[in-house]
Amino acid sequence: MAENDLVLGLAAGYHCGDVRPFLVSLAQSGFQGRCVLFVSNTTRDLKCMEELGAEVIPFDRPDRAGHVPYNAWRYFLYRDYLAAHPECNGRILLSDVRDVIFQSDPFSHAWGAGLNVTLEDRRMTIGACPYASRWISGHLGESAWKTLRERNISCSGTTLADRETMLQYLDVLTELLLPFTPGKGMNGYDQGVHNHIVHNRLLQCSQHDNSGPILTLAYKKGEPETDADGDVLNDSGSKATIVHQYDRKPDLFRQIRTRYM
């Protein structure tokens, strides 16, 4: 809950309506830090994003990285930004932006030391998920997938740490993201590498499932419960600090769009 806390996100190709729930809910959460969004030349309504509290930074991929999906390239942007801004010495959240809302200040939770990562619904494993399986086997190889196939999926879309740990994470992640060979359905391969880091304990981390501060909805059955105020509840019946992948739930999607648009 400090002014030097930082949220980093990527809004490549989005318009202001895509990120409005993210930015409005963050502002309403009591967050007092900085929110930086990296934008591509196809991102629209930059002034609107700035008016909603984002610091907007345009970027271009160098020619040598033109084949690397934006989902993966964002981590190089984050790493370079942190390296160039030593004043960002608080806690750091890397977050998806199109499908995330905040119901409390994301730094108000009593996070564990070091890297904090999120688990998706525990009924789904890496081996049972066609996307995770493709990303891991396609980029890291069949043996890497076999090692991880019984593990639960860690979602790379919400990761939090102190500055030192985050830089370590980004160094390890970016090293493993390259070289990349494009293939069908590989745009999310960064999450495969993220799971390789988490489950092989390349860095020490705290794992949070859907009963904790971040509710990740893609594989959760049905619509999540809400309280009398319309806030979304996690699997333990408490108000989630962060709600991710709300667009996978039609009723919740309509509620959030109505509330924040």
C-alpha atoms as a PDB file:
ATOM      1  CA  MET A   1       0.000   0.000   0.000  1.00  0.00           C
ATOM      2  CA  ALA A   2       2.962   2.290  -0.689  1.00  0.00           C
ATOM      3  CA  GLU A   3       3.449   4.935  -3.335  1.00  0.00           C
ATOM      4  CA  ASN A   4       6.368   2.989  -4.804  1.00  0.00           C
ATOM      5  CA  ASP A   5       4.275  -0.112  -5.486  1.00  0.00           C
ATOM      6  CA  LEU A   6       3.978  -0.769  -9.213  1.00  0.00           C
ATOM      7  CA  VAL A   7       1.583  -2.530 -11.572  1.00  0.00           C
ATOM      8  CA  LEU A   8       2.954  -3.437 -15.017  1.00  0.00           C
ATOM      9  CA  GLY A   9       0.776  -4.508 -17.914  1.00  0.00           C
ATOM     10  CA  LEU A  10       0.605  -4.802 -21.685  1.00  0.00           C
ATOM     11  CA  ALA A  11      -2.203  -3.208 -23.731  1.00  0.00           C
ATOM     12  CA  ALA A  12      -0.980  -4.024 -27.243  1.00  0.00           C
ATOM     13  CA  GLY A  13      -3.790  -3.626 -29.766  1.00  0.00           C
ATOM     14  CA  TYR A  14      -6.417  -2.738 -27.155  1.00  0.00           C
ATOM     15  CA  HIS A  15      -8.647   0.308 -26.897  1.00  0.00           C
ATOM     16  CA  CYS A  16      -9.700   2.146 -23.769  1.00  0.00           C
ATOM     17  CA  GLY A  17     -12.898   0.145 -23.366  1.00  0.00           C
ATOM     18  CA  ASP A  18     -10.867  -3.063 -23.173  1.00  0.00           C
ATOM     19  CA  VAL A  19      -8.884  -1.862 -20.171  1.00  0.00           C
ATOM     20  CA  ARG A  20     -11.398   0.423 -18.493  1.00  0.00           C
ATOM     21  CA  PRO A  21     -12.591  -2.144 -15.891  1.00  0.00           C
ATOM     22  CA  PHE A  22      -8.945  -2.846 -15.028  1.00  0.00           C
ATOM     23  CA  LEU A  23      -8.021   0.829 -14.597  1.00  0.00           C
ATOM     24  CA  VAL A  24     -11.230   1.996 -12.939  1.00  0.00           C
ATOM     25  CA  SER A  25     -11.274  -0.869 -10.431  1.00  0.00           C
ATOM     26  CA  LEU A  26      -7.589  -0.306  -9.645  1.00  0.00           C
ATOM     27  CA  ALA A  27      -8.234   3.375  -8.934  1.00  0.00           C
ATOM     28  CA  GLN A  28     -11.250   2.551  -6.781  1.00  0.00           C
ATOM     29  CA  SER A  29      -9.336  -0.111  -4.824  1.00  0.00           C
ATOM     30  CA  GLY A  30      -7.301   2.428  -2.869  1.00  0.00           C
ATOM     31  CA  PHE A  31      -4.101   1.654  -4.766  1.00  0.00           C
ATOM     32  CA  GLN A  32      -1.623   4.532  -4.355  1.00  0.00           C
ATOM     33  CA  GLY A  33       1.237   3.385  -6.575  1.00  0.00           C
ATOM     34  CA  ARG A  34       1.975   3.589 -10.294  1.00  0.00           C
ATOM     35  CA  CYS A  35       0.361   1.683 -13.131  1.00  0.00           C
ATOM     36  CA  VAL A  36       2.409   1.417 -16.324  1.00  0.00           C
ATOM     37  CA  LEU A  37       0.917   0.051 -19.535  1.00  0.00           C
ATOM     38  CA  PHE A  38       3.035  -0.734 -22.588  1.00  0.00           C
ATOM     39  CA  VAL A  39       1.186   0.007 -25.829  1.00  0.00           C
ATOM     40  CA  SER A  40       1.768  -0.902 -29.470  1.00  0.00           C
ATOM     41  CA  ASN A  41       1.148   1.208 -32.559  1.00  0.00           C
ATOM     42  CA  THR A  42      -2.265  -0.477 -32.839  1.00  0.00           C
ATOM     43  CA  THR A  43      -3.377   0.521 -29.340  1.00  0.00           C
ATOM     44  CA  ARG A  44      -6.128   3.147 -29.424  1.00  0.00           C
ATOM     45  CA  ASP A  45      -7.452   5.820 -27.027  1.00  0.00           C
ATOM     46  CA  LEU A  46      -4.159   6.427 -25.217  1.00  0.00           C
ATOM     47  CA  LYS A  47      -5.367   9.719 -23.755  1.00  0.00           C
ATOM     48  CA  CYS A  48      -8.361   7.943 -22.224  1.00  0.00           C
ATOM     49  CA  MET A  49      -6.052   5.377 -20.596  1.00  0.00           C
ATOM     50  CA  GLU A  50      -3.928   8.173 -19.163  1.00  0.00           C
ATOM     51  CA  GLU A  51      -6.995   9.950 -17.816  1.00  0.00           C
ATOM     52  CA  LEU A  52      -7.903   6.720 -16.030  1.00  0.00           C
ATOM     53  CA  GLY A  53      -4.540   6.638 -14.275  1.00  0.00           C
ATOM     54  CA  ALA A  54      -2.173   4.693 -16.522  1.00  0.00           C
ATOM     55  CA  GLU A  55       1.315   5.780 -17.512  1.00  0.00           C
ATOM     56  CA  VAL A  56       1.393   4.809 -21.192  1.00  0.00           C
ATOM     57  CA  ILE A  57       4.685   3.760 -22.784  1.00  0.00           C
ATOM     58  CA  PRO A  58       4.806   2.982 -26.530  1.00  0.00           C
ATOM     59  CA  PHE A  59       7.087   0.181 -27.670  1.00  0.00           C
ATOM     60  CA  ASP A  60       8.262  -1.545 -30.830  1.00  0.00           C
ATOM     61  CA  ARG A  61       9.673  -5.026 -31.125  1.00  0.00           C
ATOM     62  CA  PRO A  62      13.085  -5.041 -32.786  1.00  0.00           C
ATOM     63  CA  ASP A  63      13.257  -6.828 -36.133  1.00  0.00           C
ATOM     64  CA  ARG A  64      15.128  -9.737 -34.570  1.00  0.00           C
ATOM     65  CA  ALA A  65      12.127 -10.357 -32.265  1.00  0.00           C
ATOM     66  CA  GLY A  66       9.332  -9.765 -34.748  1.00  0.00           C
ATOM     67  CA  HIS A  67       8.345 -13.441 -34.537  1.00  0.00           C
ATOM     68  CA  VAL A  68       8.015 -13.396 -30.736  1.00  0.00           C
ATOM     69  CA  PRO A  69       4.382 -13.046 -29.549  1.00  0.00           C
ATOM     70  CA  TYR A  70       3.528  -9.937 -27.557  1.00  0.00           C
ATOM     71  CA  ASN A  71       2.556 -12.146 -24.611  1.00  0.00           C
ATOM     72  CA  ALA A  72       6.183 -13.203 -24.324  1.00  0.00           C
ATOM     73  CA  TRP A  73       7.803  -9.942 -25.388  1.00  0.00           C
ATOM     74  CA  ARG A  74       6.131  -8.071 -22.507  1.00  0.00           C
ATOM     75  CA  TYR A  75       8.550  -9.668 -20.058  1.00  0.00           C
ATOM     76  CA  PHE A  76      11.517  -8.164 -21.861  1.00  0.00           C
ATOM     77  CA  LEU A  77       9.789  -4.772 -21.627  1.00  0.00           C
ATOM     78  CA  TYR A  78       9.166  -5.253 -17.917  1.00  0.00           C
ATOM     79  CA  ARG A  79      12.737  -6.339 -17.250  1.00  0.00           C
ATOM     80  CA  ASP A  80      14.226  -3.395 -19.109  1.00  0.00           C
ATOM     81  CA  TYR A  81      11.831  -0.943 -17.477  1.00  0.00           C
ATOM     82  CA  LEU A  82      12.698  -2.097 -13.966  1.00  0.00           C
ATOM     83  CA  ALA A  83      16.407  -2.061 -14.740  1.00  0.00           C
ATOM     84  CA  ALA A  84      16.088   1.552 -15.934  1.00  0.00           C
ATOM     85  CA  HIS A  85      13.958   2.673 -12.960  1.00  0.00           C
ATOM     86  CA  PRO A  86      15.686   1.859  -9.673  1.00  0.00           C
ATOM     87  CA  GLU A  87      13.219   4.128  -7.892  1.00  0.00           C
ATOM     88  CA  CYS A  88      10.618   1.376  -8.414  1.00  0.00           C
ATOM     89  CA  ASN A  89      11.792  -0.353  -5.263  1.00  0.00           C
ATOM     90  CA  GLY A  90       8.468  -1.412  -3.788  1.00  0.00           C
ATOM     91  CA  ARG A  91       6.364  -4.423  -4.640  1.00  0.00           C
ATOM     92  CA  ILE A  92       5.566  -5.199  -8.256  1.00  0.00           C
ATOM     93  CA  LEU A  93       2.552  -6.867  -9.854  1.00  0.00           C
ATOM     94  CA  LEU A  94       2.716  -8.177 -13.417  1.00  0.00           C
ATOM     95  CA  SER A  95      -0.860  -8.389 -14.590  1.00  0.00           C
ATOM     96  CA  ASP A  96      -2.992  -9.111 -17.606  1.00  0.00           C
ATOM     97  CA  VAL A  97      -5.230  -6.121 -18.221  1.00  0.00           C
ATOM     98  CA  ARG A  98      -8.143  -7.020 -20.507  1.00  0.00           C
ATOM     99  CA  ASP A  99      -9.715  -9.569 -18.147  1.00  0.00           C
ATOM    100  CA  VAL A 100      -8.630  -8.461 -14.660  1.00  0.00           C
ATOM    101  CA  ILE A 101     -10.373  -6.352 -12.014  1.00  0.00           C
ATOM    102  CA  PHE A 102      -9.345  -5.345  -8.513  1.00  0.00           C
ATOM    103  CA  GLN A 103     -11.743  -5.542  -5.574  1.00  0.00           C
ATOM    104  CA  SER A 104      -9.142  -4.359  -3.044  1.00  0.00           C
ATOM    105  CA  ASP A 105      -5.745  -2.726  -3.279  1.00  0.00           C
ATOM    106  CA  PRO A 106      -3.667  -5.579  -4.781  1.00  0.00           C
ATOM    107  CA  PHE A 107      -0.871  -4.864  -2.304  1.00  0.00           C
ATOM    108  CA  SER A 108      -3.102  -4.873   0.775  1.00  0.00           C
ATOM    109  CA  HIS A 109      -2.968  -8.676   1.022  1.00  0.00           C
ATOM    110  CA  ALA A 110      -0.321 -10.222   3.281  1.00  0.00           C
ATOM    111  CA  TRP A 111       1.720 -11.687   0.423  1.00  0.00           C
ATOM    112  CA  GLY A 112       4.500 -14.148   1.123  1.00  0.00           C
ATOM    113  CA  ALA A 113       8.141 -13.223   0.765  1.00  0.00           C
ATOM    114  CA  GLY A 114       9.659 -13.582  -2.691  1.00  0.00           C
ATOM    115  CA  LEU A 115       7.660 -14.606  -5.743  1.00  0.00           C
ATOM    116  CA  ASN A 116       3.880 -15.036  -5.439  1.00  0.00           C
ATOM    117  CA  VAL A 117       2.167 -17.016  -8.196  1.00  0.00           C
ATOM    118  CA  THR A 118      -1.391 -18.092  -8.902  1.00  0.00           C
ATOM    119  CA  LEU A 119      -2.845 -21.557  -9.445  1.00  0.00           C
ATOM    120  CA  GLU A 120      -5.889 -22.113 -11.630  1.00  0.00           C
ATOM    121  CA  ASP A 121      -8.698 -24.462 -10.573  1.00  0.00           C
ATOM    122  CA  ARG A 122      -7.080 -27.495  -8.923  1.00  0.00           C
ATOM    123  CA  ARG A 123      -9.245 -29.932 -10.898  1.00  0.00           C
ATOM    124  CA  MET A 124      -7.235 -29.103 -14.007  1.00  0.00           C
ATOM    125  CA  THR A 125      -3.696 -30.320 -14.580  1.00  0.00           C
ATOM    126  CA  ILE A 126      -1.112 -29.308 -17.128  1.00  0.00           C
ATOM    127  CA  GLY A 127      -1.382 -32.676 -18.839  1.00  0.00           C
ATOM    128  CA  ALA A 128      -5.159 -32.376 -19.173  1.00  0.00           C
ATOM    129  CA  CYS A 129      -4.996 -28.849 -20.588  1.00  0.00           C
ATOM    130  CA  PRO A 130      -4.387 -28.826 -24.359  1.00  0.00           C
ATOM    131  CA  TYR A 131      -3.044 -25.267 -24.261  1.00  0.00           C
ATOM    132  CA  ALA A 132      -0.537 -25.784 -21.456  1.00  0.00           C
ATOM    133  CA  SER A 133       0.533 -29.087 -22.971  1.00  0.00           C
ATOM    134  CA  ARG A 134       1.115 -27.492 -26.371  1.00  0.00           C
ATOM    135  CA  TRP A 135       3.046 -24.544 -24.964  1.00  0.00           C
ATOM    136  CA  ILE A 136       5.352 -26.658 -22.800  1.00  0.00           C
ATOM    137  CA  SER A 137       6.017 -29.517 -25.203  1.00  0.00           C
ATOM    138  CA  GLY A 138       6.231 -27.171 -28.189  1.00  0.00           C
ATOM    139  CA  HIS A 139       8.805 -24.856 -26.649  1.00  0.00           C
ATOM    140  CA  LEU A 140      10.585 -26.864 -23.945  1.00  0.00           C
ATOM    141  CA  GLY A 141      10.165 -30.387 -25.305  1.00  0.00           C
ATOM    142  CA  GLU A 142       8.255 -33.571 -24.547  1.00  0.00           C
ATOM    143  CA  SER A 143      10.398 -34.466 -21.546  1.00  0.00           C
ATOM    144  CA  ALA A 144       9.627 -31.114 -19.900  1.00  0.00           C
ATOM    145  CA  TRP A 145       5.909 -31.745 -20.408  1.00  0.00           C
ATOM    146  CA  LYS A 146       6.138 -35.247 -18.923  1.00  0.00           C
ATOM    147  CA  THR A 147       7.789 -33.807 -15.823  1.00  0.00           C
ATOM    148  CA  LEU A 148       4.983 -31.272 -15.340  1.00  0.00           C
ATOM    149  CA  ARG A 149       1.885 -33.033 -16.654  1.00  0.00           C
ATOM    150  CA  GLU A 150       0.488 -33.976 -13.223  1.00  0.00           C
ATOM    151  CA  ARG A 151       0.962 -30.498 -11.797  1.00  0.00           C
ATOM    152  CA  ASN A 152      -1.704 -27.850 -11.498  1.00  0.00           C
ATOM    153  CA  ILE A 153      -1.555 -24.906 -13.873  1.00  0.00           C
ATOM    154  CA  SER A 154       0.046 -21.724 -12.616  1.00  0.00           C
ATOM    155  CA  CYS A 155      -1.401 -18.738 -14.458  1.00  0.00           C
ATOM    156  CA  SER A 156       1.280 -16.310 -15.626  1.00  0.00           C
ATOM    157  CA  GLY A 157      -1.257 -13.485 -15.857  1.00  0.00           C
ATOM    158  CA  THR A 158      -0.887 -12.364 -12.219  1.00  0.00           C
ATOM    159  CA  THR A 159       2.544 -12.561 -10.567  1.00  0.00           C
ATOM    160  CA  LEU A 160       3.714 -10.452  -7.627  1.00  0.00           C
ATOM    161  CA  ALA A 161       7.072  -9.959  -5.923  1.00  0.00           C
ATOM    162  CA  ASP A 162       9.496  -7.491  -4.396  1.00  0.00           C
ATOM    163  CA  ARG A 163      11.839  -5.734  -6.807  1.00  0.00           C
ATOM    164  CA  GLU A 164      14.856  -8.007  -6.317  1.00  0.00           C
ATOM    165  CA  THR A 165      12.853 -11.208  -6.707  1.00  0.00           C
ATOM    166  CA  MET A 166      10.933  -9.865  -9.697  1.00  0.00           C
ATOM    167  CA  LEU A 167      14.153  -9.008 -11.505  1.00  0.00           C
ATOM    168  CA  GLN A 168      15.446 -12.535 -10.805  1.00  0.00           C
ATOM    169  CA  TYR A 169      12.205 -13.989 -12.163  1.00  0.00           C
ATOM    170  CA  LEU A 170      12.339 -11.839 -15.283  1.00  0.00           C
ATOM    171  CA  ASP A 171      15.976 -12.717 -15.909  1.00  0.00           C
ATOM    172  CA  VAL A 172      15.244 -16.458 -15.709  1.00  0.00           C
ATOM    173  CA  LEU A 173      12.019 -16.169 -17.718  1.00  0.00           C
ATOM    174  CA  THR A 174      13.425 -14.091 -20.572  1.00  0.00           C
ATOM    175  CA  GLU A 175      16.435 -16.379 -20.885  1.00  0.00           C
ATOM    176  CA  LEU A 176      14.124 -19.373 -21.321  1.00  0.00           C
ATOM    177  CA  LEU A 177      11.729 -17.606 -23.711  1.00  0.00           C
ATOM    178  CA  LEU A 178      14.377 -17.439 -26.429  1.00  0.00           C
ATOM    179  CA  PRO A 179      15.068 -18.821 -28.925  1.00  0.00           C
ATOM    180  CA  PHE A 180      11.438 -19.233 -29.967  1.00  0.00           C
ATOM    181  CA  THR A 181      10.220 -21.199 -32.966  1.00  0.00           C
ATOM    182  CA  PRO A 182       6.732 -20.058 -34.027  1.00  0.00           C
ATOM    183  CA  GLY A 183       4.030 -22.670 -34.362  1.00  0.00           C
ATOM    184  CA  LYS A 184       0.255 -23.017 -34.450  1.00  0.00           C
ATOM    185  CA  GLY A 185      -1.349 -22.059 -31.140  1.00  0.00           C
ATOM    186  CA  MET A 186       1.932 -21.043 -29.493  1.00  0.00           C
ATOM    187  CA  ASN A 187       1.079 -17.408 -28.698  1.00  0.00           C
ATOM    188  CA  GLY A 188       0.731 -18.178 -24.980  1.00  0.00           C
ATOM    189  CA  TYR A 189       3.933 -20.159 -24.636  1.00  0.00           C
ATOM    190  CA  ASP A 190       5.202 -17.768 -21.962  1.00  0.00           C
ATOM    191  CA  GLN A 191       2.835 -19.497 -19.540  1.00  0.00           C
ATOM    192  CA  GLY A 192       4.486 -22.825 -20.297  1.00  0.00           C
ATOM    193  CA  VAL A 193       7.870 -21.365 -19.385  1.00  0.00           C
ATOM    194  CA  HIS A 194       6.354 -19.781 -16.274  1.00  0.00           C
ATOM    195  CA  ASN A 195       5.102 -23.198 -15.142  1.00  0.00           C
ATOM    196  CA  HIS A 196       8.517 -24.720 -15.808  1.00  0.00           C
ATOM    197  CA  ILE A 197      10.040 -22.122 -13.458  1.00  0.00           C
ATOM    198  CA  VAL A 198       7.385 -22.509 -10.773  1.00  0.00           C
ATOM    199  CA  HIS A 199       7.085 -26.291 -10.597  1.00  0.00           C
ATOM    200  CA  ASN A 200      10.760 -27.073 -11.052  1.00  0.00           C
ATOM    201  CA  ARG A 201      11.541 -24.559  -8.299  1.00  0.00           C
ATOM    202  CA  LEU A 202      13.982 -22.542 -10.333  1.00  0.00           C
ATOM    203  CA  LEU A 203      12.916 -19.776  -7.942  1.00  0.00           C
ATOM    204  CA  GLN A 204      11.354 -20.102  -4.500  1.00  0.00           C
ATOM    205  CA  CYS A 205       7.741 -19.005  -4.595  1.00  0.00           C
ATOM    206  CA  SER A 206       4.437 -18.972  -2.736  1.00  0.00           C
ATOM    207  CA  GLN A 207       1.516 -20.518  -4.605  1.00  0.00           C
ATOM    208  CA  HIS A 208      -2.038 -19.171  -4.183  1.00  0.00           C
ATOM    209  CA  ASP A 209      -5.061 -21.131  -5.361  1.00  0.00           C
ATOM    210  CA  ASN A 210      -8.653 -19.998  -5.891  1.00  0.00           C
ATOM    211  CA  SER A 211      -9.319 -19.939  -2.162  1.00  0.00           C
ATOM    212  CA  GLY A 212      -6.775 -17.136  -1.827  1.00  0.00           C
ATOM    213  CA  PRO A 213      -6.450 -13.516  -2.926  1.00  0.00           C
ATOM    214  CA  ILE A 214      -6.596 -14.122  -6.700  1.00  0.00           C
ATOM    215  CA  LEU A 215      -9.556 -15.875  -8.297  1.00  0.00           C
ATOM    216  CA  THR A 216      -8.666 -17.301 -11.737  1.00  0.00           C
ATOM    217  CA  LEU A 217     -11.824 -18.374 -13.503  1.00  0.00           C
ATOM    218  CA  ALA A 218     -11.093 -20.112 -16.820  1.00  0.00           C
ATOM    219  CA  TYR A 219     -11.372 -23.671 -15.495  1.00  0.00           C
ATOM    220  CA  LYS A 220     -13.674 -22.968 -12.569  1.00  0.00           C
ATOM    221  CA  LYS A 221     -17.079 -24.587 -13.110  1.00  0.00           C
ATOM    222  CA  GLY A 222     -20.058 -22.289 -13.380  1.00  0.00           C
ATOM    223  CA  GLU A 223     -20.389 -18.686 -12.346  1.00  0.00           C
ATOM    224  CA  PRO A 224     -18.581 -17.547  -9.183  1.00  0.00           C
ATOM    225  CA  GLU A 225     -20.583 -16.474  -6.148  1.00  0.00           C
ATOM    226  CA  THR A 226     -21.004 -12.797  -5.322  1.00  0.00           C
ATOM    227  CA  ASP A 227     -21.973 -11.027  -2.120  1.00  0.00           C
ATOM    228  CA  ALA A 228     -24.742  -8.512  -1.496  1.00  0.00           C
ATOM    229  CA  ASP A 229     -22.529  -5.714  -2.825  1.00  0.00           C
ATOM    230  CA  GLY A 230     -21.841  -7.568  -6.052  1.00  0.00           C
ATOM    231  CA  ASP A 231     -18.237  -8.392  -5.145  1.00  0.00           C
ATOM    232  CA  VAL A 232     -16.895 -11.715  -6.388  1.00  0.00           C
ATOM    233  CA  LEU A 233     -16.098 -14.350  -3.770  1.00  0.00           C
ATOM    234  CA  ASN A 234     -13.222 -16.804  -3.898  1.00  0.00           C
ATOM    235  CA  ASP A 235     -13.534 -20.525  -3.157  1.00  0.00           C
ATOM    236  CA  SER A 236     -13.274 -19.907   0.589  1.00  0.00           C
ATOM    237  CA  GLY A 237     -16.225 -17.493   0.493  1.00  0.00           C
ATOM    238  CA  SER A 238     -14.164 -14.326   0.975  1.00  0.00           C
ATOM    239  CA  LYS A 239     -13.991 -11.335  -1.341  1.00  0.00           C
ATOM    240  CA  ALA A 240     -11.204 -11.928  -3.840  1.00  0.00           C
ATOM    241  CA  THR A 241      -8.586  -9.203  -4.051  1.00  0.00           C
ATOM    242  CA  ILE A 242      -8.086  -9.769  -7.801  1.00  0.00           C
ATOM    243  CA  VAL A 243     -10.491 -11.428 -10.240  1.00  0.00           C
ATOM    244  CA  HIS A 244      -8.909 -12.781 -13.413  1.00  0.00           C
ATOM    245  CA  GLN A 245     -10.488 -14.208 -16.578  1.00  0.00           C
ATOM    246  CA  TYR A 246     -13.919 -12.817 -15.736  1.00  0.00           C
ATOM    247  CA  ASP A 247     -14.726 -12.718 -19.447  1.00  0.00           C
ATOM    248  CA  ARG A 248     -15.027 -16.541 -19.397  1.00  0.00           C
ATOM    249  CA  LYS A 249     -18.199 -16.228 -17.293  1.00  0.00           C
ATOM    250  CA  PRO A 250     -21.026 -14.578 -19.272  1.00  0.00           C
ATOM    251  CA  ASP A 251     -23.099 -13.380 -16.301  1.00  0.00           C
ATOM    252  CA  LEU A 252     -20.083 -12.014 -14.464  1.00  0.00           C
ATOM    253  CA  PHE A 253     -18.793 -10.373 -17.638  1.00  0.00           C
ATOM    254  CA  ARG A 254     -22.057  -8.453 -18.025  1.00  0.00           C
ATOM    255  CA  GLN A 255     -22.035  -7.439 -14.348  1.00  0.00           C
ATOM    256  CA  ILE A 256     -18.474  -6.142 -14.495  1.00  0.00           C
ATOM    257  CA  ARG A 257     -18.996  -4.276 -17.751  1.00  0.00           C
ATOM    258  CA  THR A 258     -22.074  -2.618 -16.285  1.00  0.00           C
ATOM    259  CA  ARG A 259     -20.268  -1.749 -13.050  1.00  0.00           C
ATOM    260  CA  TYR A 260     -17.080  -0.303 -14.493  1.00  0.00           C
ATOM    261  CA  MET A 261     -18.027   1.010 -17.909  1.00  0.00           C
END
